[in-house]
């Protein structure tokens, strides 16, 4: 009975302990950061150095990357969702929608 109890406790510990990140998760994380930083910088009309990484969450089907974008002396928080289900990472959404400096100037006139 004691062996059964210890065996069941060991099995429960293995089943309920959160999984360790795999090499694929790390690669997808790094690639998602690069992909999103480049796209956010292009849409915002700023250099990549102005797009600062805030945090990253790797999920089974997506990577969520949060950035702080400094533009015209103001901070804007931007979230980039990257789809991991296909063979190649693709950007699913960037929120909020970014408006380039040239588009903002044209809209004000």
PDB file of N, CA and C in Angstrom:
ATOM      1  N   UNK A   1       0.822  -1.192   0.000  1.00  0.00           N
ATOM      2  CA  UNK A   1       0.000   0.000   0.000  1.00  0.00           C
ATOM      3  C   UNK A   1       0.868   1.259   0.000  1.00  0.00           C
ATOM      4  N   UNK A   2       1.951   1.211   0.784  1.00  0.00           N
ATOM      5  CA  UNK A   2       2.840   2.366   0.840  1.00  0.00           C
ATOM      6  C   UNK A   2       3.495   2.607  -0.520  1.00  0.00           C
ATOM      7  N   UNK A   3       3.882   1.532  -1.215  1.00  0.00           N
ATOM      8  CA  UNK A   3       4.486   1.671  -2.542  1.00  0.00           C
ATOM      9  C   UNK A   3       3.496   2.267  -3.539  1.00  0.00           C
ATOM     10  N   UNK A   4       2.263   1.824  -3.450  1.00  0.00           N
ATOM     11  CA  UNK A   4       1.235   2.362  -4.335  1.00  0.00           C
ATOM     12  C   UNK A   4       1.044   3.863  -4.101  1.00  0.00           C
ATOM     13  N   UNK A   5       1.031   4.260  -2.843  1.00  0.00           N
ATOM     14  CA  UNK A   5       0.856   5.666  -2.502  1.00  0.00           C
ATOM     15  C   UNK A   5       2.004   6.514  -3.055  1.00  0.00           C
ATOM     16  N   UNK A   6       3.245   6.054  -2.856  1.00  0.00           N
ATOM     17  CA  UNK A   6       4.395   6.803  -3.364  1.00  0.00           C
ATOM     18  C   UNK A   6       4.425   6.818  -4.889  1.00  0.00           C
ATOM     19  N   UNK A   7       4.043   5.711  -5.488  1.00  0.00           N
ATOM     20  CA  UNK A   7       4.008   5.659  -6.954  1.00  0.00           C
ATOM     21  C   UNK A   7       2.962   6.616  -7.511  1.00  0.00           C
ATOM     22  N   UNK A   8       1.802   6.649  -6.896  1.00  0.00           N
ATOM     23  CA  UNK A   8       0.749   7.546  -7.378  1.00  0.00           C
ATOM     24  C   UNK A   8       1.128   9.009  -7.157  1.00  0.00           C
ATOM     25  N   UNK A   9       1.824   9.311  -6.066  1.00  0.00           N
ATOM     26  CA  UNK A   9       2.274  10.686  -5.830  1.00  0.00           C
ATOM     27  C   UNK A   9       3.330  11.097  -6.861  1.00  0.00           C
ATOM     28  N   UNK A  10       4.234  10.192  -7.192  1.00  0.00           N
ATOM     29  CA  UNK A  10       5.260  10.490  -8.196  1.00  0.00           C
ATOM     30  C   UNK A  10       4.617  10.704  -9.565  1.00  0.00           C
ATOM     31  N   UNK A  11       3.651   9.870  -9.913  1.00  0.00           N
ATOM     32  CA  UNK A  11       2.952  10.013 -11.181  1.00  0.00           C
ATOM     33  C   UNK A  11       2.187  11.338 -11.240  1.00  0.00           C
ATOM     34  N   UNK A  12       1.534  11.693 -10.155  1.00  0.00           N
ATOM     35  CA  UNK A  12       0.799  12.957 -10.111  1.00  0.00           C
ATOM     36  C   UNK A  12       1.744  14.147 -10.267  1.00  0.00           C
ATOM     37  N   UNK A  13       2.910  14.065  -9.648  1.00  0.00           N
ATOM     38  CA  UNK A  13       3.884  15.160  -9.766  1.00  0.00           C
ATOM     39  C   UNK A  13       4.351  15.323 -11.204  1.00  0.00           C
ATOM     40  N   UNK A  14       4.567  14.222 -11.892  1.00  0.00           N
ATOM     41  CA  UNK A  14       5.016  14.278 -13.284  1.00  0.00           C
ATOM     42  C   UNK A  14       3.917  14.827 -14.187  1.00  0.00           C
ATOM     43  N   UNK A  15       2.686  14.441 -13.950  1.00  0.00           N
ATOM     44  CA  UNK A  15       1.581  14.866 -14.805  1.00  0.00           C
ATOM     45  C   UNK A  15       1.174  16.322 -14.586  1.00  0.00           C
ATOM     46  N   UNK A  16       1.294  16.820 -13.374  1.00  0.00           N
ATOM     47  CA  UNK A  16       0.793  18.155 -13.072  1.00  0.00           C
ATOM     48  C   UNK A  16       1.857  19.239 -13.035  1.00  0.00           C
ATOM     49  N   UNK A  17       3.117  18.881 -13.202  1.00  0.00           N
ATOM     50  CA  UNK A  17       4.177  19.887 -13.253  1.00  0.00           C
ATOM     51  C   UNK A  17       4.152  20.515 -14.640  1.00  0.00           C
ATOM     52  N   UNK A  18       4.202  21.845 -14.721  1.00  0.00           N
ATOM     53  CA  UNK A  18       4.183  22.493 -16.039  1.00  0.00           C
ATOM     54  C   UNK A  18       5.350  22.038 -16.898  1.00  0.00           C
ATOM     55  N   UNK A  19       5.097  21.948 -18.192  1.00  0.00           N
ATOM     56  CA  UNK A  19       6.121  21.486 -19.115  1.00  0.00           C
ATOM     57  C   UNK A  19       7.267  22.467 -19.248  1.00  0.00           C
ATOM     58  N   UNK A  20       8.418  21.947 -19.522  1.00  0.00           N
ATOM     59  CA  UNK A  20       9.605  22.762 -19.739  1.00  0.00           C
ATOM     60  C   UNK A  20       9.611  23.205 -21.199  1.00  0.00           C
ATOM     61  N   UNK A  21      10.045  24.427 -21.433  1.00  0.00           N
ATOM     62  CA  UNK A  21      10.077  24.956 -22.800  1.00  0.00           C
ATOM     63  C   UNK A  21      11.005  24.121 -23.666  1.00  0.00           C
ATOM     64  N   UNK A  22      10.540  23.791 -24.840  1.00  0.00           N
ATOM     65  CA  UNK A  22      11.356  23.003 -25.765  1.00  0.00           C
ATOM     66  C   UNK A  22      12.190  23.928 -26.636  1.00  0.00           C
ATOM     67  N   UNK A  23      13.110  23.353 -27.377  1.00  0.00           N
ATOM     68  CA  UNK A  23      13.953  24.142 -28.276  1.00  0.00           C
ATOM     69  C   UNK A  23      13.105  24.840 -29.337  1.00  0.00           C
ATOM     70  N   UNK A  24      12.022  24.186 -29.779  1.00  0.00           N
ATOM     71  CA  UNK A  24      11.124  24.801 -30.757  1.00  0.00           C
ATOM     72  C   UNK A  24      10.454  26.045 -30.199  1.00  0.00           C
ATOM     73  N   UNK A  25      10.097  26.017 -28.905  1.00  0.00           N
ATOM     74  CA  UNK A  25       9.495  27.187 -28.269  1.00  0.00           C
ATOM     75  C   UNK A  25      10.468  28.359 -28.258  1.00  0.00           C
ATOM     76  N   UNK A  26      11.718  28.087 -27.925  1.00  0.00           N
ATOM     77  CA  UNK A  26      12.725  29.152 -27.870  1.00  0.00           C
ATOM     78  C   UNK A  26      12.988  29.741 -29.255  1.00  0.00           C
ATOM     79  N   UNK A  27      13.063  28.885 -30.251  1.00  0.00           N
ATOM     80  CA  UNK A  27      13.278  29.359 -31.621  1.00  0.00           C
ATOM     81  C   UNK A  27      12.097  30.201 -32.087  1.00  0.00           C
ATOM     82  N   UNK A  28      10.884  29.711 -31.846  1.00  0.00           N
ATOM     83  CA  UNK A  28       9.686  30.465 -32.231  1.00  0.00           C
ATOM     84  C   UNK A  28       9.617  31.796 -31.487  1.00  0.00           C
ATOM     85  N   UNK A  29       9.997  31.797 -30.225  1.00  0.00           N
ATOM     86  CA  UNK A  29       9.997  33.022 -29.424  1.00  0.00           C
ATOM     87  C   UNK A  29      10.930  34.058 -30.047  1.00  0.00           C
ATOM     88  N   UNK A  30      12.152  33.648 -30.329  1.00  0.00           N
ATOM     89  CA  UNK A  30      13.144  34.557 -30.904  1.00  0.00           C
ATOM     90  C   UNK A  30      12.715  35.057 -32.276  1.00  0.00           C
ATOM     91  N   UNK A  31      12.232  34.144 -33.113  1.00  0.00           N
ATOM     92  CA  UNK A  31      11.789  34.529 -34.459  1.00  0.00           C
ATOM     93  C   UNK A  31      10.574  35.459 -34.414  1.00  0.00           C
ATOM     94  N   UNK A  32       9.656  35.209 -33.467  1.00  0.00           N
ATOM     95  CA  UNK A  32       8.473  36.064 -33.337  1.00  0.00           C
ATOM     96  C   UNK A  32       8.867  37.478 -32.915  1.00  0.00           C
ATOM     97  N   UNK A  33       9.838  37.594 -32.023  1.00  0.00           N
ATOM     98  CA  UNK A  33      10.299  38.917 -31.597  1.00  0.00           C
ATOM     99  C   UNK A  33      10.883  39.673 -32.781  1.00  0.00           C
ATOM    100  N   UNK A  34      11.732  39.009 -33.557  1.00  0.00           N
ATOM    101  CA  UNK A  34      12.344  39.656 -34.729  1.00  0.00           C
ATOM    102  C   UNK A  34      11.286  40.083 -35.749  1.00  0.00           C
ATOM    103  N   UNK A  35      10.372  39.161 -36.056  1.00  0.00           N
ATOM    104  CA  UNK A  35       9.329  39.430 -37.042  1.00  0.00           C
ATOM    105  C   UNK A  35       8.450  40.603 -36.608  1.00  0.00           C
ATOM    106  N   UNK A  36       8.004  40.570 -35.368  1.00  0.00           N
ATOM    107  CA  UNK A  36       7.120  41.622 -34.869  1.00  0.00           C
ATOM    108  C   UNK A  36       7.836  42.960 -34.749  1.00  0.00           C
ATOM    109  N   UNK A  37       9.060  42.949 -34.250  1.00  0.00           N
ATOM    110  CA  UNK A  37       9.788  44.216 -34.099  1.00  0.00           C
ATOM    111  C   UNK A  37       9.941  44.906 -35.457  1.00  0.00           C
ATOM    112  N   UNK A  38      10.302  44.137 -36.475  1.00  0.00           N
ATOM    113  CA  UNK A  38      10.478  44.714 -37.813  1.00  0.00           C
ATOM    114  C   UNK A  38       9.160  45.270 -38.347  1.00  0.00           C
ATOM    115  N   UNK A  39       8.074  44.528 -38.182  1.00  0.00           N
ATOM    116  CA  UNK A  39       6.775  44.971 -38.705  1.00  0.00           C
ATOM    117  C   UNK A  39       6.237  46.178 -37.940  1.00  0.00           C
ATOM    118  N   UNK A  40       6.359  46.154 -36.616  1.00  0.00           N
ATOM    119  CA  UNK A  40       5.885  47.280 -35.806  1.00  0.00           C
ATOM    120  C   UNK A  40       6.686  48.537 -36.138  1.00  0.00           C
ATOM    121  N   UNK A  41       8.000  48.408 -36.275  1.00  0.00           N
ATOM    122  CA  UNK A  41       8.839  49.560 -36.628  1.00  0.00           C
ATOM    123  C   UNK A  41       8.452  50.114 -37.999  1.00  0.00           C
ATOM    124  N   UNK A  42       8.206  49.224 -38.957  1.00  0.00           N
ATOM    125  CA  UNK A  42       7.821  49.660 -40.302  1.00  0.00           C
ATOM    126  C   UNK A  42       6.469  50.376 -40.284  1.00  0.00           C
ATOM    127  N   UNK A  43       5.500  49.824 -39.565  1.00  0.00           N
ATOM    128  CA  UNK A  43       4.172  50.444 -39.516  1.00  0.00           C
ATOM    129  C   UNK A  43       4.178  51.767 -38.758  1.00  0.00           C
ATOM    130  N   UNK A  44       5.008  51.856 -37.723  1.00  0.00           N
ATOM    131  CA  UNK A  44       5.054  53.076 -36.915  1.00  0.00           C
ATOM    132  C   UNK A  44       5.945  54.143 -37.537  1.00  0.00           C
ATOM    133  N   UNK A  45       6.765  53.751 -38.501  1.00  0.00           N
ATOM    134  CA  UNK A  45       7.666  54.704 -39.135  1.00  0.00           C
ATOM    135  C   UNK A  45       8.830  55.101 -38.248  1.00  0.00           C
ATOM    136  N   UNK A  46       9.283  54.170 -37.398  1.00  0.00           N
ATOM    137  CA  UNK A  46      10.412  54.433 -36.501  1.00  0.00           C
ATOM    138  C   UNK A  46      11.490  53.385 -36.734  1.00  0.00           C
ATOM    139  N   UNK A  47      12.673  53.631 -36.166  1.00  0.00           N
ATOM    140  CA  UNK A  47      13.743  52.644 -36.250  1.00  0.00           C
ATOM    141  C   UNK A  47      13.472  51.521 -35.259  1.00  0.00           C
ATOM    142  N   UNK A  48      14.078  50.367 -35.507  1.00  0.00           N
ATOM    143  CA  UNK A  48      13.859  49.201 -34.651  1.00  0.00           C
ATOM    144  C   UNK A  48      14.281  49.457 -33.205  1.00  0.00           C
ATOM    145  N   UNK A  49      15.254  50.345 -32.986  1.00  0.00           N
ATOM    146  CA  UNK A  49      15.705  50.648 -31.627  1.00  0.00           C
ATOM    147  C   UNK A  49      14.627  51.355 -30.803  1.00  0.00           C
ATOM    148  N   UNK A  50      13.673  51.990 -31.467  1.00  0.00           N
ATOM    149  CA  UNK A  50      12.583  52.672 -30.769  1.00  0.00           C
ATOM    150  C   UNK A  50      11.493  51.700 -30.335  1.00  0.00           C
ATOM    151  N   UNK A  51      11.585  50.446 -30.780  1.00  0.00           N
ATOM    152  CA  UNK A  51      10.605  49.414 -30.430  1.00  0.00           C
ATOM    153  C   UNK A  51      11.251  48.508 -29.389  1.00  0.00           C
ATOM    154  N   UNK A  52      10.866  48.699 -28.133  1.00  0.00           N
ATOM    155  CA  UNK A  52      11.490  47.980 -27.020  1.00  0.00           C
ATOM    156  C   UNK A  52      10.617  46.812 -26.579  1.00  0.00           C
ATOM    157  N   UNK A  53      11.260  45.663 -26.393  1.00  0.00           N
ATOM    158  CA  UNK A  53      10.551  44.466 -25.939  1.00  0.00           C
ATOM    159  C   UNK A  53      10.077  44.654 -24.508  1.00  0.00           C
ATOM    160  N   UNK A  54       8.813  44.349 -24.265  1.00  0.00           N
ATOM    161  CA  UNK A  54       8.251  44.415 -22.923  1.00  0.00           C
ATOM    162  C   UNK A  54       8.145  43.010 -22.342  1.00  0.00           C
ATOM    163  N   UNK A  55       7.388  42.134 -23.013  1.00  0.00           N
ATOM    164  CA  UNK A  55       7.276  40.748 -22.559  1.00  0.00           C
ATOM    165  C   UNK A  55       6.835  39.841 -23.700  1.00  0.00           C
ATOM    166  N   UNK A  56       7.080  38.535 -23.499  1.00  0.00           N
ATOM    167  CA  UNK A  56       6.728  37.524 -24.502  1.00  0.00           C
ATOM    168  C   UNK A  56       6.046  36.366 -23.790  1.00  0.00           C
ATOM    169  N   UNK A  57       4.984  35.867 -24.403  1.00  0.00           N
ATOM    170  CA  UNK A  57       4.309  34.666 -23.895  1.00  0.00           C
ATOM    171  C   UNK A  57       4.212  33.659 -25.030  1.00  0.00           C
ATOM    172  N   UNK A  58       4.734  32.466 -24.791  1.00  0.00           N
ATOM    173  CA  UNK A  58       4.684  31.406 -25.796  1.00  0.00           C
ATOM    174  C   UNK A  58       3.558  30.462 -25.418  1.00  0.00           C
ATOM    175  N   UNK A  59       2.645  30.280 -26.335  1.00  0.00           N
ATOM    176  CA  UNK A  59       1.510  29.370 -26.147  1.00  0.00           C
ATOM    177  C   UNK A  59       1.615  28.271 -27.198  1.00  0.00           C
ATOM    178  N   UNK A  60       0.860  27.199 -27.059  1.00  0.00           N
ATOM    179  CA  UNK A  60       0.965  26.118 -28.050  1.00  0.00           C
ATOM    180  C   UNK A  60       0.664  26.549 -29.483  1.00  0.00           C
ATOM    181  N   UNK A  61      -0.258  27.475 -29.683  1.00  0.00           N
ATOM    182  CA  UNK A  61      -0.636  27.877 -31.046  1.00  0.00           C
ATOM    183  C   UNK A  61      -0.221  29.292 -31.416  1.00  0.00           C
ATOM    184  N   UNK A  62       0.294  30.044 -30.449  1.00  0.00           N
ATOM    185  CA  UNK A  62       0.622  31.447 -30.728  1.00  0.00           C
ATOM    186  C   UNK A  62       1.743  31.939 -29.825  1.00  0.00           C
ATOM    187  N   UNK A  63       2.364  33.004 -30.277  1.00  0.00           N
ATOM    188  CA  UNK A  63       3.330  33.738 -29.459  1.00  0.00           C
ATOM    189  C   UNK A  63       2.801  35.159 -29.353  1.00  0.00           C
ATOM    190  N   UNK A  64       2.697  35.661 -28.140  1.00  0.00           N
ATOM    191  CA  UNK A  64       2.222  37.027 -27.910  1.00  0.00           C
ATOM    192  C   UNK A  64       3.430  37.863 -27.491  1.00  0.00           C
ATOM    193  N   UNK A  65       3.705  38.915 -28.264  1.00  0.00           N
ATOM    194  CA  UNK A  65       4.857  39.777 -28.002  1.00  0.00           C
ATOM    195  C   UNK A  65       4.350  41.185 -27.717  1.00  0.00           C
ATOM    196  N   UNK A  66       4.732  41.721 -26.563  1.00  0.00           N
ATOM    197  CA  UNK A  66       4.350  43.084 -26.192  1.00  0.00           C
ATOM    198  C   UNK A  66       5.565  43.996 -26.304  1.00  0.00           C
ATOM    199  N   UNK A  67       5.362  45.146 -26.931  1.00  0.00           N
ATOM    200  CA  UNK A  67       6.432  46.126 -27.129  1.00  0.00           C
ATOM    201  C   UNK A  67       6.024  47.469 -26.544  1.00  0.00           C
ATOM    202  N   UNK A  68       7.035  48.269 -26.203  1.00  0.00           N
ATOM    203  CA  UNK A  68       6.866  49.681 -25.889  1.00  0.00           C
ATOM    204  C   UNK A  68       7.449  50.438 -27.071  1.00  0.00           C
ATOM    205  N   UNK A  69       6.631  51.257 -27.717  1.00  0.00           N
ATOM    206  CA  UNK A  69       7.082  52.022 -28.880  1.00  0.00           C
ATOM    207  C   UNK A  69       7.169  53.493 -28.481  1.00  0.00           C
ATOM    208  N   UNK A  70       8.369  54.050 -28.624  1.00  0.00           N
ATOM    209  CA  UNK A  70       8.585  55.471 -28.357  1.00  0.00           C
ATOM    210  C   UNK A  70       8.544  56.219 -29.678  1.00  0.00           C
ATOM    211  N   UNK A  71       7.599  57.152 -29.777  1.00  0.00           N
ATOM    212  CA  UNK A  71       7.445  57.924 -31.008  1.00  0.00           C
ATOM    213  C   UNK A  71       7.002  59.338 -30.648  1.00  0.00           C
ATOM    214  N   UNK A  72       7.738  60.313 -31.153  1.00  0.00           N
ATOM    215  CA  UNK A  72       7.442  61.725 -30.887  1.00  0.00           C
ATOM    216  C   UNK A  72       7.391  62.019 -29.388  1.00  0.00           C
ATOM    217  N   UNK A  73       8.261  61.364 -28.622  1.00  0.00           N
ATOM    218  CA  UNK A  73       8.324  61.594 -27.180  1.00  0.00           C
ATOM    219  C   UNK A  73       7.205  60.956 -26.389  1.00  0.00           C
ATOM    220  N   UNK A  74       6.395  60.126 -27.026  1.00  0.00           N
ATOM    221  CA  UNK A  74       5.277  59.471 -26.335  1.00  0.00           C
ATOM    222  C   UNK A  74       5.429  57.962 -26.393  1.00  0.00           C
ATOM    223  N   UNK A  75       4.983  57.308 -25.337  1.00  0.00           N
ATOM    224  CA  UNK A  75       5.042  55.852 -25.237  1.00  0.00           C
ATOM    225  C   UNK A  75       3.715  55.251 -25.681  1.00  0.00           C
ATOM    226  N   UNK A  76       3.796  54.196 -26.481  1.00  0.00           N
ATOM    227  CA  UNK A  76       2.602  53.461 -26.895  1.00  0.00           C
ATOM    228  C   UNK A  76       2.874  51.977 -26.695  1.00  0.00           C
ATOM    229  N   UNK A  77       1.955  51.290 -26.050  1.00  0.00           N
ATOM    230  CA  UNK A  77       2.069  49.846 -25.865  1.00  0.00           C
ATOM    231  C   UNK A  77       1.445  49.148 -27.061  1.00  0.00           C
ATOM    232  N   UNK A  78       2.186  48.206 -27.627  1.00  0.00           N
ATOM    233  CA  UNK A  78       1.735  47.495 -28.824  1.00  0.00           C
ATOM    234  C   UNK A  78       1.844  46.000 -28.574  1.00  0.00           C
ATOM    235  N   UNK A  79       0.816  45.265 -28.960  1.00  0.00           N
ATOM    236  CA  UNK A  79       0.815  43.808 -28.844  1.00  0.00           C
ATOM    237  C   UNK A  79       0.799  43.195 -30.234  1.00  0.00           C
ATOM    238  N   UNK A  80       1.666  42.213 -30.442  1.00  0.00           N
ATOM    239  CA  UNK A  80       1.762  41.503 -31.716  1.00  0.00           C
ATOM    240  C   UNK A  80       1.486  40.024 -31.455  1.00  0.00           C
ATOM    241  N   UNK A  81       0.487  39.491 -32.118  1.00  0.00           N
ATOM    242  CA  UNK A  81       0.140  38.069 -32.004  1.00  0.00           C
ATOM    243  C   UNK A  81       0.691  37.340 -33.216  1.00  0.00           C
ATOM    244  N   UNK A  82       1.447  36.274 -32.984  1.00  0.00           N
ATOM    245  CA  UNK A  82       2.061  35.502 -34.059  1.00  0.00           C
ATOM    246  C   UNK A  82       1.497  34.088 -34.031  1.00  0.00           C
ATOM    247  N   UNK A  83       1.026  33.630 -35.175  1.00  0.00           N
ATOM    248  CA  UNK A  83       0.459  32.288 -35.326  1.00  0.00           C
ATOM    249  C   UNK A  83       1.581  31.269 -35.497  1.00  0.00           C
ATOM    250  N   UNK A  84       1.556  30.192 -34.682  1.00  0.00           N
ATOM    251  CA  UNK A  84       2.576  29.140 -34.744  1.00  0.00           C
ATOM    252  C   UNK A  84       2.079  27.870 -35.422  1.00  0.00           C
ATOM    253  N   UNK A  85       0.837  27.821 -35.859  1.00  0.00           N
ATOM    254  CA  UNK A  85       0.274  26.564 -36.347  1.00  0.00           C
ATOM    255  C   UNK A  85       0.791  26.161 -37.715  1.00  0.00           C
ATOM    256  N   UNK A  86       1.202  27.104 -38.536  1.00  0.00           N
ATOM    257  CA  UNK A  86       1.726  26.789 -39.874  1.00  0.00           C
ATOM    258  C   UNK A  86       3.214  26.465 -39.775  1.00  0.00           C
ATOM    259  N   UNK A  87       3.783  26.050 -40.889  1.00  0.00           N
ATOM    260  CA  UNK A  87       5.209  25.725 -40.916  1.00  0.00           C
ATOM    261  C   UNK A  87       6.056  26.965 -40.674  1.00  0.00           C
ATOM    262  N   UNK A  88       5.550  28.120 -41.088  1.00  0.00           N
ATOM    263  CA  UNK A  88       6.280  29.379 -40.930  1.00  0.00           C
ATOM    264  C   UNK A  88       5.468  30.318 -40.048  1.00  0.00           C
ATOM    265  N   UNK A  89       6.136  31.062 -39.176  1.00  0.00           N
ATOM    266  CA  UNK A  89       5.449  32.012 -38.315  1.00  0.00           C
ATOM    267  C   UNK A  89       4.842  33.141 -39.145  1.00  0.00           C
ATOM    268  N   UNK A  90       3.615  33.513 -38.799  1.00  0.00           N
ATOM    269  CA  UNK A  90       2.953  34.627 -39.478  1.00  0.00           C
ATOM    270  C   UNK A  90       2.304  35.530 -38.438  1.00  0.00           C
ATOM    271  N   UNK A  91       2.287  36.812 -38.717  1.00  0.00           N
ATOM    272  CA  UNK A  91       1.656  37.762 -37.811  1.00  0.00           C
ATOM    273  C   UNK A  91       0.146  37.662 -37.979  1.00  0.00           C
ATOM    274  N   UNK A  92      -0.549  37.388 -36.877  1.00  0.00           N
ATOM    275  CA  UNK A  92      -2.004  37.281 -36.905  1.00  0.00           C
ATOM    276  C   UNK A  92      -2.655  38.642 -36.659  1.00  0.00           C
ATOM    277  N   UNK A  93      -2.071  39.440 -35.751  1.00  0.00           N
ATOM    278  CA  UNK A  93      -2.656  40.747 -35.438  1.00  0.00           C
ATOM    279  C   UNK A  93      -1.638  41.629 -34.737  1.00  0.00           C
ATOM    280  N   UNK A  94      -1.773  42.921 -34.967  1.00  0.00           N
ATOM    281  CA  UNK A  94      -1.017  43.926 -34.230  1.00  0.00           C
ATOM    282  C   UNK A  94      -2.040  44.909 -33.685  1.00  0.00           C
ATOM    283  N   UNK A  95      -2.051  45.088 -32.358  1.00  0.00           N
ATOM    284  CA  UNK A  95      -3.004  46.008 -31.733  1.00  0.00           C
ATOM    285  C   UNK A  95      -2.268  46.949 -30.800  1.00  0.00           C
ATOM    286  N   UNK A  96      -2.633  48.179 -30.715  1.00  0.00           N
ATOM    287  CA  UNK A  96      -3.594  48.863 -31.566  1.00  0.00           C
ATOM    288  C   UNK A  96      -3.036  49.067 -32.964  1.00  0.00           C
ATOM    289  N   UNK A  97      -3.908  49.412 -33.894  1.00  0.00           N
ATOM    290  CA  UNK A  97      -3.469  49.683 -35.257  1.00  0.00           C
ATOM    291  C   UNK A  97      -2.549  50.894 -35.235  1.00  0.00           C
ATOM    292  N   UNK A  98      -1.399  50.748 -35.884  1.00  0.00           N
ATOM    293  CA  UNK A  98      -0.410  51.825 -35.888  1.00  0.00           C
ATOM    294  C   UNK A  98      -0.611  52.727 -37.087  1.00  0.00           C
ATOM    295  N   UNK A  99      -0.400  53.985 -36.880  1.00  0.00           N
ATOM    296  CA  UNK A  99      -0.513  54.973 -37.949  1.00  0.00           C
ATOM    297  C   UNK A  99       0.860  55.606 -38.123  1.00  0.00           C
ATOM    298  N   UNK A 100       1.388  55.563 -39.319  1.00  0.00           N
ATOM    299  CA  UNK A 100       2.711  56.134 -39.569  1.00  0.00           C
ATOM    300  C   UNK A 100       2.668  57.648 -39.438  1.00  0.00           C
ATOM    301  N   UNK A 101       3.830  58.223 -39.231  1.00  0.00           N
ATOM    302  CA  UNK A 101       3.917  59.679 -39.071  1.00  0.00           C
ATOM    303  C   UNK A 101       3.421  60.399 -40.319  1.00  0.00           C
ATOM    304  N   UNK A 102       3.731  59.875 -41.507  1.00  0.00           N
ATOM    305  CA  UNK A 102       3.286  60.524 -42.747  1.00  0.00           C
ATOM    306  C   UNK A 102       1.773  60.434 -42.907  1.00  0.00           C
ATOM    307  N   UNK A 103       1.165  59.321 -42.504  1.00  0.00           N
ATOM    308  CA  UNK A 103      -0.293  59.179 -42.589  1.00  0.00           C
ATOM    309  C   UNK A 103      -0.978  60.102 -41.586  1.00  0.00           C
ATOM    310  N   UNK A 104      -0.374  60.275 -40.417  1.00  0.00           N
ATOM    311  CA  UNK A 104      -0.958  61.163 -39.411  1.00  0.00           C
ATOM    312  C   UNK A 104      -0.929  62.608 -39.885  1.00  0.00           C
ATOM    313  N   UNK A 105       0.154  62.998 -40.546  1.00  0.00           N
ATOM    314  CA  UNK A 105       0.271  64.356 -41.072  1.00  0.00           C
ATOM    315  C   UNK A 105      -0.742  64.594 -42.184  1.00  0.00           C
ATOM    316  N   UNK A 106      -0.902  63.619 -43.072  1.00  0.00           N
ATOM    317  CA  UNK A 106      -1.849  63.744 -44.184  1.00  0.00           C
ATOM    318  C   UNK A 106      -3.282  63.813 -43.669  1.00  0.00           C
ATOM    319  N   UNK A 107      -3.579  63.040 -42.613  1.00  0.00           N
ATOM    320  CA  UNK A 107      -4.929  63.033 -42.064  1.00  0.00           C
ATOM    321  C   UNK A 107      -5.277  64.326 -41.349  1.00  0.00           C
ATOM    322  N   UNK A 108      -4.263  65.037 -40.837  1.00  0.00           N
ATOM    323  CA  UNK A 108      -4.511  66.276 -40.108  1.00  0.00           C
ATOM    324  C   UNK A 108      -4.796  67.443 -41.040  1.00  0.00           C
ATOM    325  N   UNK A 109      -4.436  67.322 -42.305  1.00  0.00           N
ATOM    326  CA  UNK A 109      -4.620  68.430 -43.246  1.00  0.00           C
ATOM    327  C   UNK A 109      -5.982  68.436 -43.864  1.00  0.00           C
TER     328      UNK A 109
END
